[in-house]
Amino acid sequence: MNSDLGDISTLLIYGAMASYVVAMIAFAVDVSALGVGAPKDRRRRAAGIGLSTMWLGAGLQFVGIVVRGLAAGRVPWANMYEFTLMFTFFVVAIFLGLQTRRDMRYLGVAVAMLAFLALMLAVSVLYVEADGVQPALRSYWLVIHVSVATLATGLSGLAAIISIAQLVKARSERASAGSAAMAAAGSTAEVTSAATGGGTSVTSRAAAGGGTSATATAVAETATEPGATFGSRIVGALPASANMERLAYRLNAVGFVAWTFTLVAGAIWAEHAWGRPWGWDPKETWTFVIWVIYAAYLHARVTTGWAAEKFAYFALVGFMAVLANFYIVNIFFSGKHSYAGV
C-alpha cells in the first residue's frame, strides 16, 4: 500500500465533492430563474457553470479512483467505499454523456446532490485505507463482476432521478388538463348562452372550430398565466412526462442487462471461490430479488396498459432495493459477502 497516493486520492475526491456542490448551487440558480418567469430560451449562464463544474468534478473523481487503485495495487472497487466512488462516477458520467445529445440540465441539481451526498457518506462513514484484499477476492472476476455491478447501479440511479421528475411533471400535466377542461366547458357555456340570446352564427363558428382549439388555448393560458407559482413555472419547464418515462425505461433496460451479467458472473465466481454457484447467501438473495423486480418492470412495460406513473413507481422500488442491497445487506446481514465492521 502507498499511503501517500491514498491521501492524494482522498484529496481528489474532496475536490470532486466541492465541484459537485458548486454545480448544485449553479443549477439551483438556473432553476430559480425559471421559477420567477425567465424565458427558457435565454442564455443560461448558471446552467453553463453547473455543467462545467460537473465535468470538473467527474474528472477529479475519475483521477481519484485511478490513484486509489495505484495506492492499493489492485482495481479500486473492492469495498463499500470504493464501490460508492464508482457508482456515483457512473451516475455523473452517464448524465454528462446524455447531456451532449439532449438537454438534461433540468436534472443537474438532483444529480449533483446525489453525487455529493453519496461521496460524503463514503468519506465520513465507509472510508477504509487503500490496501490489498482477502484471498477470495484475488480474482479476475473482481474486475468483471463488481465493475459491471457499479455500472448497473449508476444506470438505475440516474433512471430513478428521471422517474421522480416524471412523476412531478405528470401531476402537473393532470392539473393543467383539468384546468383546460374546465376552461373549455366554461367557453362552451358562454358561446351557447350568446347564441341563445342573439343568433346561431356564433354557435356554428364554435362548432366548426371544434373544442380542440379552445382546449389547446386554455392549456396554453394555464401554462403561462400570470398567477402561476414559482414551483409551477419550474415544473412547466420540464420535458413531457412521457418523454422522461421513455428515457428512464431505456436506462433501466440497459441496467437490467448489466445486472443480469452481474448475477451470472457472481454465480461463476462463487463456484470458483466457494465450490458452489448459489447458496442463498443474503447478498445473493437480494441480488436475485432486484433482478426479479426489474425483470417484472420491463415485462410489464411492454405487455400491460398501465399508466406511465405506475412504471415510474416500479422503477423507484427497484432502485430502493438496490440501495437496501448495498447499504443494509452489506452491513447488517452476516454472510460470505458481509462487510460488517466497515
Protein backbone atom coordinates (compact mmCIF):
# COMPACT_ATOMS: atom_id res chain seq x y z
CA MET A 1 0.00 0.00 0.00
CA ASN A 2 1.19 3.51 -0.84
CA SER A 3 -0.21 5.83 1.84
CA ASP A 4 0.87 8.98 0.00
CA LEU A 5 -1.09 8.01 -3.09
CA GLY A 6 -4.02 7.07 -0.87
CA ASP A 7 -4.01 10.55 0.66
CA ILE A 8 -3.82 12.16 -2.78
CA SER A 9 -6.80 10.07 -3.89
CA THR A 10 -8.80 11.26 -0.90
CA LEU A 11 -7.93 14.90 -1.62
CA LEU A 12 -9.09 14.45 -5.22
CA ILE A 13 -12.39 13.02 -4.01
CA TYR A 14 -12.82 16.03 -1.72
CA GLY A 15 -12.14 18.24 -4.74
CA ALA A 16 -14.83 16.39 -6.68
CA MET A 17 -17.26 16.90 -3.81
CA ALA A 18 -16.54 20.63 -3.79
CA SER A 19 -17.12 20.78 -7.54
CA TYR A 20 -20.46 18.99 -7.17
CA VAL A 21 -21.55 21.47 -4.50
CA VAL A 22 -20.74 24.39 -6.82
CA ALA A 23 -22.58 22.64 -9.65
CA MET A 24 -25.60 22.02 -7.42
CA ILE A 25 -25.75 25.69 -6.45
CA ALA A 26 -25.34 26.84 -10.07
CA PHE A 27 -28.09 24.52 -11.30
CA ALA A 28 -30.31 25.69 -8.43
CA VAL A 29 -29.77 29.32 -9.50
CA ASP A 30 -30.71 28.38 -13.06
CA VAL A 31 -33.87 26.60 -11.88
CA SER A 32 -34.75 29.57 -9.67
CA ALA A 33 -34.61 31.86 -12.70
CA LEU A 34 -37.13 29.61 -14.45
CA GLY A 35 -39.31 29.80 -11.37
CA VAL A 36 -39.51 33.59 -11.47
CA GLY A 37 -40.52 33.59 -15.12
CA ALA A 38 -37.27 33.88 -17.07
CA PRO A 39 -37.64 32.64 -20.68
CA LYS A 40 -36.41 29.12 -21.33
CA ASP A 41 -34.55 30.16 -24.48
CA ARG A 42 -32.37 32.72 -22.67
CA ARG A 43 -28.62 32.28 -22.31
CA ARG A 44 -28.47 30.12 -19.19
CA ARG A 45 -25.12 31.11 -17.74
CA ALA A 46 -25.73 29.49 -14.35
CA ALA A 47 -26.53 26.17 -16.02
CA GLY A 48 -23.34 26.51 -18.06
CA ILE A 49 -21.35 26.98 -14.86
CA GLY A 50 -23.10 23.96 -13.40
CA LEU A 51 -22.16 21.78 -16.36
CA SER A 52 -18.56 22.99 -16.35
CA THR A 53 -18.10 22.22 -12.67
CA MET A 54 -19.82 18.84 -13.11
CA TRP A 55 -17.24 17.97 -15.77
CA LEU A 56 -14.50 19.16 -13.42
CA GLY A 57 -15.90 17.08 -10.58
CA ALA A 58 -16.18 13.98 -12.78
CA GLY A 59 -12.57 14.46 -13.92
CA LEU A 60 -11.29 14.85 -10.37
CA GLN A 61 -13.29 11.83 -9.23
CA PHE A 62 -12.00 9.69 -12.09
CA VAL A 63 -8.38 10.60 -11.32
CA GLY A 64 -9.06 9.98 -7.63
CA ILE A 65 -10.37 6.48 -8.42
CA VAL A 66 -7.33 5.71 -10.59
CA VAL A 67 -4.92 6.94 -7.91
CA ARG A 68 -6.80 4.87 -5.33
CA GLY A 69 -6.19 1.80 -7.46
CA LEU A 70 -2.50 2.63 -7.75
CA ALA A 71 -2.28 3.09 -4.00
CA ALA A 72 -3.91 -0.28 -3.30
CA GLY A 73 -2.17 -2.13 -6.11
CA ARG A 74 -5.46 -3.51 -7.49
CA VAL A 75 -8.69 -2.41 -9.13
CA PRO A 76 -10.35 0.27 -6.97
CA TRP A 77 -13.76 -1.29 -6.34
CA ALA A 78 -13.20 -3.97 -3.70
CA ASN A 79 -15.08 -2.43 -0.72
CA MET A 80 -18.07 -0.24 0.02
CA TYR A 81 -16.08 2.99 -0.06
CA GLU A 82 -14.67 2.25 -3.50
CA PHE A 83 -17.98 0.90 -4.81
CA THR A 84 -19.60 4.22 -3.85
CA LEU A 85 -16.88 6.13 -5.68
CA MET A 86 -17.52 4.05 -8.78
CA PHE A 87 -21.30 4.10 -8.92
CA THR A 88 -21.52 7.85 -8.27
CA PHE A 89 -18.95 8.42 -11.01
CA PHE A 90 -21.11 6.40 -13.40
CA VAL A 91 -24.22 8.41 -12.45
CA VAL A 92 -22.44 11.68 -13.22
CA ALA A 93 -20.68 10.35 -16.34
CA ILE A 94 -23.91 8.96 -17.84
CA PHE A 95 -25.69 12.25 -17.10
CA LEU A 96 -22.93 14.24 -18.80
CA GLY A 97 -22.84 11.84 -21.74
CA LEU A 98 -26.58 12.17 -22.30
CA GLN A 99 -26.28 15.95 -21.95
CA THR A 100 -24.12 16.03 -25.08
CA ARG A 101 -27.06 14.63 -27.06
CA ARG A 102 -30.09 16.23 -25.39
CA ASP A 103 -30.88 18.94 -22.85
CA MET A 104 -30.61 17.26 -19.44
CA ARG A 105 -29.90 20.37 -17.37
CA TYR A 106 -33.20 20.00 -15.53
CA LEU A 107 -31.63 17.02 -13.71
CA GLY A 108 -28.47 18.88 -12.72
CA VAL A 109 -29.46 19.75 -9.16
CA ALA A 110 -30.56 16.19 -8.33
CA VAL A 111 -27.55 14.50 -9.95
CA ALA A 112 -25.06 16.81 -8.23
CA MET A 113 -26.85 16.37 -4.91
CA LEU A 114 -26.87 12.57 -5.17
CA ALA A 115 -23.17 12.51 -6.05
CA PHE A 116 -22.23 14.83 -3.19
CA LEU A 117 -24.32 13.06 -0.54
CA ALA A 118 -23.10 9.61 -1.56
CA LEU A 119 -19.48 10.74 -1.53
CA MET A 120 -20.00 12.46 1.83
CA LEU A 121 -21.28 9.18 3.24
CA ALA A 122 -18.35 7.36 1.66
CA VAL A 123 -15.60 9.55 3.11
CA SER A 124 -17.22 10.00 6.53
CA VAL A 125 -18.60 6.51 7.23
CA LEU A 126 -17.38 3.96 4.69
CA TYR A 127 -13.78 5.04 4.25
CA VAL A 128 -11.02 2.43 4.65
CA GLU A 129 -7.33 2.72 3.89
CA ALA A 130 -6.20 1.65 0.43
CA ASP A 131 -4.88 -1.88 0.89
CA GLY A 132 -4.93 -5.37 -0.57
CA VAL A 133 -7.90 -7.74 -0.46
CA GLN A 134 -8.61 -11.07 1.15
CA PRO A 135 -7.68 -14.20 -0.86
CA ALA A 136 -11.26 -14.89 -2.04
CA LEU A 137 -11.29 -11.53 -3.83
CA ARG A 138 -7.97 -12.01 -5.62
CA SER A 139 -9.54 -12.97 -8.89
CA TYR A 140 -10.09 -11.51 -12.33
CA TRP A 141 -13.80 -11.83 -11.52
CA LEU A 142 -13.37 -8.87 -9.17
CA VAL A 143 -12.52 -6.79 -12.23
CA ILE A 144 -15.51 -8.05 -14.21
CA HIS A 145 -18.26 -8.74 -11.68
CA VAL A 146 -18.04 -5.67 -9.47
CA SER A 147 -17.30 -3.15 -12.23
CA VAL A 148 -20.45 -4.18 -14.10
CA ALA A 149 -22.42 -4.03 -10.83
CA THR A 150 -21.32 -0.41 -10.31
CA LEU A 151 -22.39 0.43 -13.86
CA ALA A 152 -25.81 -1.17 -13.29
CA THR A 153 -26.21 0.80 -10.06
CA GLY A 154 -25.29 4.04 -11.79
CA LEU A 155 -27.80 3.44 -14.59
CA SER A 156 -30.62 2.59 -12.20
CA GLY A 157 -29.73 5.59 -10.02
CA LEU A 158 -30.00 8.08 -12.88
CA ALA A 159 -33.20 6.38 -14.08
CA ALA A 160 -34.66 6.78 -10.59
CA ILE A 161 -33.92 10.52 -10.63
CA ILE A 162 -35.65 10.82 -14.00
CA SER A 163 -38.64 8.83 -12.71
CA ILE A 164 -39.05 11.26 -9.81
CA ALA A 165 -39.04 14.20 -12.25
CA GLN A 166 -41.53 12.30 -14.41
CA LEU A 167 -43.96 11.86 -11.52
CA VAL A 168 -43.76 15.56 -10.64
CA LYS A 169 -44.38 16.54 -14.26
CA ALA A 170 -47.23 14.05 -14.68
CA ARG A 171 -49.03 15.52 -11.68
CA SER A 172 -48.67 18.99 -13.18
CA GLU A 173 -49.95 17.77 -16.55
CA ARG A 174 -53.03 16.26 -14.92
CA ALA A 175 -53.72 19.54 -13.12
CA SER A 176 -53.28 21.51 -16.37
CA ALA A 177 -55.56 19.11 -18.24
CA GLY A 178 -58.22 19.55 -15.55
CA SER A 179 -57.96 23.32 -15.74
CA ALA A 180 -58.13 23.18 -19.53
CA ALA A 181 -61.24 21.02 -19.41
CA MET A 182 -62.93 23.45 -17.02
CA ALA A 183 -61.94 26.40 -19.23
CA ALA A 184 -63.26 24.63 -22.31
CA ALA A 185 -66.54 23.82 -20.55
CA GLY A 186 -66.88 27.44 -19.48
CA SER A 187 -66.23 28.69 -23.02
CA THR A 188 -68.84 26.30 -24.41
CA ALA A 189 -71.40 27.52 -21.91
CA GLU A 190 -70.72 31.16 -22.79
CA VAL A 191 -70.97 30.51 -26.51
CA THR A 192 -74.23 28.62 -26.08
CA SER A 193 -75.65 31.40 -23.95
CA ALA A 194 -74.66 34.03 -26.51
CA ALA A 195 -76.16 32.04 -29.33
CA THR A 196 -79.42 31.62 -27.46
CA GLY A 197 -79.62 35.33 -26.84
CA GLY A 198 -78.70 36.63 -30.24
CA GLY A 199 -78.32 34.25 -33.18
CA THR A 200 -76.80 30.96 -34.18
CA SER A 201 -73.79 32.10 -36.18
CA VAL A 202 -71.52 32.16 -33.12
CA THR A 203 -72.55 28.62 -32.23
CA SER A 204 -71.90 27.48 -35.78
CA ARG A 205 -68.44 29.02 -35.80
CA ALA A 206 -67.64 27.42 -32.45
CA ALA A 207 -68.83 24.05 -33.71
CA ALA A 208 -66.87 24.40 -36.93
CA GLY A 209 -63.70 25.27 -34.99
CA GLY A 210 -64.23 22.30 -32.68
CA GLY A 211 -63.47 22.03 -28.99
CA THR A 212 -59.83 21.15 -29.61
CA SER A 213 -58.68 24.69 -30.31
CA ALA A 214 -60.43 26.00 -27.23
CA THR A 215 -58.83 23.32 -25.11
CA ALA A 216 -55.38 24.00 -26.58
CA THR A 217 -55.79 27.72 -25.92
CA ALA A 218 -56.85 27.00 -22.37
CA VAL A 219 -53.82 24.78 -21.83
CA ALA A 220 -51.50 27.49 -23.16
CA GLU A 221 -53.13 30.12 -20.96
CA THR A 222 -52.88 27.84 -17.94
CA ALA A 223 -49.18 27.23 -18.54
CA THR A 224 -48.36 30.95 -18.93
CA GLU A 225 -50.91 32.57 -16.67
CA PRO A 226 -49.59 35.49 -14.60
CA GLY A 227 -50.73 33.82 -11.38
CA ALA A 228 -48.52 30.77 -11.90
CA THR A 229 -46.50 29.88 -8.83
CA PHE A 230 -42.73 29.54 -8.53
CA GLY A 231 -42.98 25.76 -8.47
CA SER A 232 -45.43 25.50 -11.36
CA ARG A 233 -43.13 27.55 -13.62
CA ILE A 234 -40.22 25.25 -12.83
CA VAL A 235 -42.27 22.13 -13.46
CA GLY A 236 -43.65 23.68 -16.63
CA ALA A 237 -40.10 23.92 -18.00
CA LEU A 238 -39.56 20.16 -17.65
CA PRO A 239 -39.91 17.89 -20.71
CA ALA A 240 -43.16 15.99 -21.17
CA SER A 241 -43.58 13.17 -18.66
CA ALA A 242 -43.95 10.65 -21.48
CA ASN A 243 -40.52 11.60 -22.85
CA MET A 244 -38.92 11.24 -19.43
CA GLU A 245 -40.59 7.86 -18.92
CA ARG A 246 -39.15 6.58 -22.20
CA LEU A 247 -35.66 7.75 -21.22
CA ALA A 248 -35.90 6.11 -17.80
CA TYR A 249 -37.09 2.90 -19.44
CA ARG A 250 -34.09 2.82 -21.77
CA LEU A 251 -31.66 3.37 -18.92
CA ASN A 252 -33.34 0.67 -16.85
CA ALA A 253 -33.28 -1.73 -19.80
CA VAL A 254 -29.51 -1.30 -20.17
CA GLY A 255 -29.12 -1.51 -16.41
CA PHE A 256 -31.09 -4.76 -16.37
CA VAL A 257 -28.71 -6.30 -18.90
CA ALA A 258 -25.76 -5.22 -16.73
CA TRP A 259 -27.49 -6.56 -13.61
CA THR A 260 -28.16 -9.90 -15.33
CA PHE A 261 -24.48 -10.16 -16.18
CA THR A 262 -23.63 -9.27 -12.57
CA LEU A 263 -25.86 -12.08 -11.31
CA VAL A 264 -24.42 -14.68 -13.69
CA ALA A 265 -20.80 -13.57 -13.16
CA GLY A 266 -21.31 -13.69 -9.40
CA ALA A 267 -22.51 -17.28 -9.62
CA ILE A 268 -19.48 -18.28 -11.69
CA TRP A 269 -17.14 -16.54 -9.26
CA ALA A 270 -18.87 -18.22 -6.30
CA GLU A 271 -18.31 -21.60 -7.93
CA HIS A 272 -14.59 -20.87 -8.24
CA ALA A 273 -14.21 -19.33 -4.76
CA TRP A 274 -16.58 -21.38 -2.60
CA GLY A 275 -17.26 -24.52 -4.61
CA ARG A 276 -20.91 -23.75 -5.30
CA PRO A 277 -22.62 -21.28 -7.67
CA TRP A 278 -25.54 -20.45 -5.39
CA GLY A 279 -26.17 -20.78 -1.67
CA TRP A 280 -28.95 -18.27 -0.89
CA ASP A 281 -26.48 -16.03 0.89
CA PRO A 282 -28.24 -12.73 1.86
CA LYS A 283 -26.31 -10.82 -0.82
CA GLU A 284 -27.08 -13.42 -3.47
CA THR A 285 -30.76 -13.48 -2.50
CA TRP A 286 -31.13 -9.69 -2.64
CA THR A 287 -29.31 -9.54 -5.95
CA PHE A 288 -31.83 -12.02 -7.32
CA VAL A 289 -34.73 -10.04 -5.81
CA ILE A 290 -33.51 -6.91 -7.60
CA TRP A 291 -33.23 -8.84 -10.86
CA VAL A 292 -36.83 -10.07 -10.46
CA ILE A 293 -38.12 -6.54 -9.76
CA TYR A 294 -36.52 -5.07 -12.87
CA ALA A 295 -37.50 -8.10 -14.98
CA ALA A 296 -41.12 -7.62 -13.90
CA TYR A 297 -40.86 -3.88 -14.60
CA LEU A 298 -39.57 -4.43 -18.14
CA HIS A 299 -42.12 -7.17 -18.82
CA ALA A 300 -45.00 -5.03 -17.58
CA ARG A 301 -43.72 -2.06 -19.59
CA VAL A 302 -44.13 -3.90 -22.91
CA THR A 303 -47.18 -6.07 -22.15
CA THR A 304 -49.58 -4.06 -19.98
CA GLY A 305 -51.60 -0.92 -20.48
CA TRP A 306 -50.63 0.68 -17.20
CA ALA A 307 -50.31 4.43 -16.85
CA ALA A 308 -46.76 5.71 -17.11
CA GLU A 309 -46.74 6.73 -13.45
CA LYS A 310 -47.01 3.10 -12.35
CA PHE A 311 -43.84 2.24 -14.25
CA ALA A 312 -42.07 5.13 -12.52
CA TYR A 313 -43.06 3.78 -9.10
CA PHE A 314 -41.92 0.32 -10.21
CA ALA A 315 -38.51 1.69 -11.17
CA LEU A 316 -38.19 3.56 -7.87
CA VAL A 317 -38.95 0.38 -5.92
CA GLY A 318 -36.18 -1.34 -7.89
CA PHE A 319 -33.63 1.34 -7.04
CA MET A 320 -34.63 1.32 -3.36
CA ALA A 321 -33.98 -2.43 -3.43
CA VAL A 322 -30.55 -1.71 -4.92
CA LEU A 323 -29.78 0.73 -2.10
CA ALA A 324 -31.03 -1.76 0.50
CA ASN A 325 -28.83 -4.45 -1.04
CA PHE A 326 -25.80 -2.21 -0.71
CA TYR A 327 -26.26 -0.21 2.49
CA ILE A 328 -28.33 -2.65 4.58
CA VAL A 329 -27.45 -6.18 3.49
CA ASN A 330 -23.72 -5.46 3.29
CA ILE A 331 -23.56 -4.09 6.83
CA PHE A 332 -26.30 -5.70 8.87
CA PHE A 333 -26.56 -9.22 7.42
CA SER A 334 -23.83 -11.73 8.02
CA GLY A 335 -22.75 -13.98 5.17
CA LYS A 336 -19.95 -14.64 2.75
CA HIS A 337 -20.46 -11.16 1.27
CA SER A 338 -20.69 -9.45 4.66
CA TYR A 339 -18.95 -6.11 5.11
CA ALA A 340 -19.61 -5.96 8.87
CA GLY A 341 -17.29 -3.57 10.65
CA VAL A 342 -16.98 -1.10 7.75
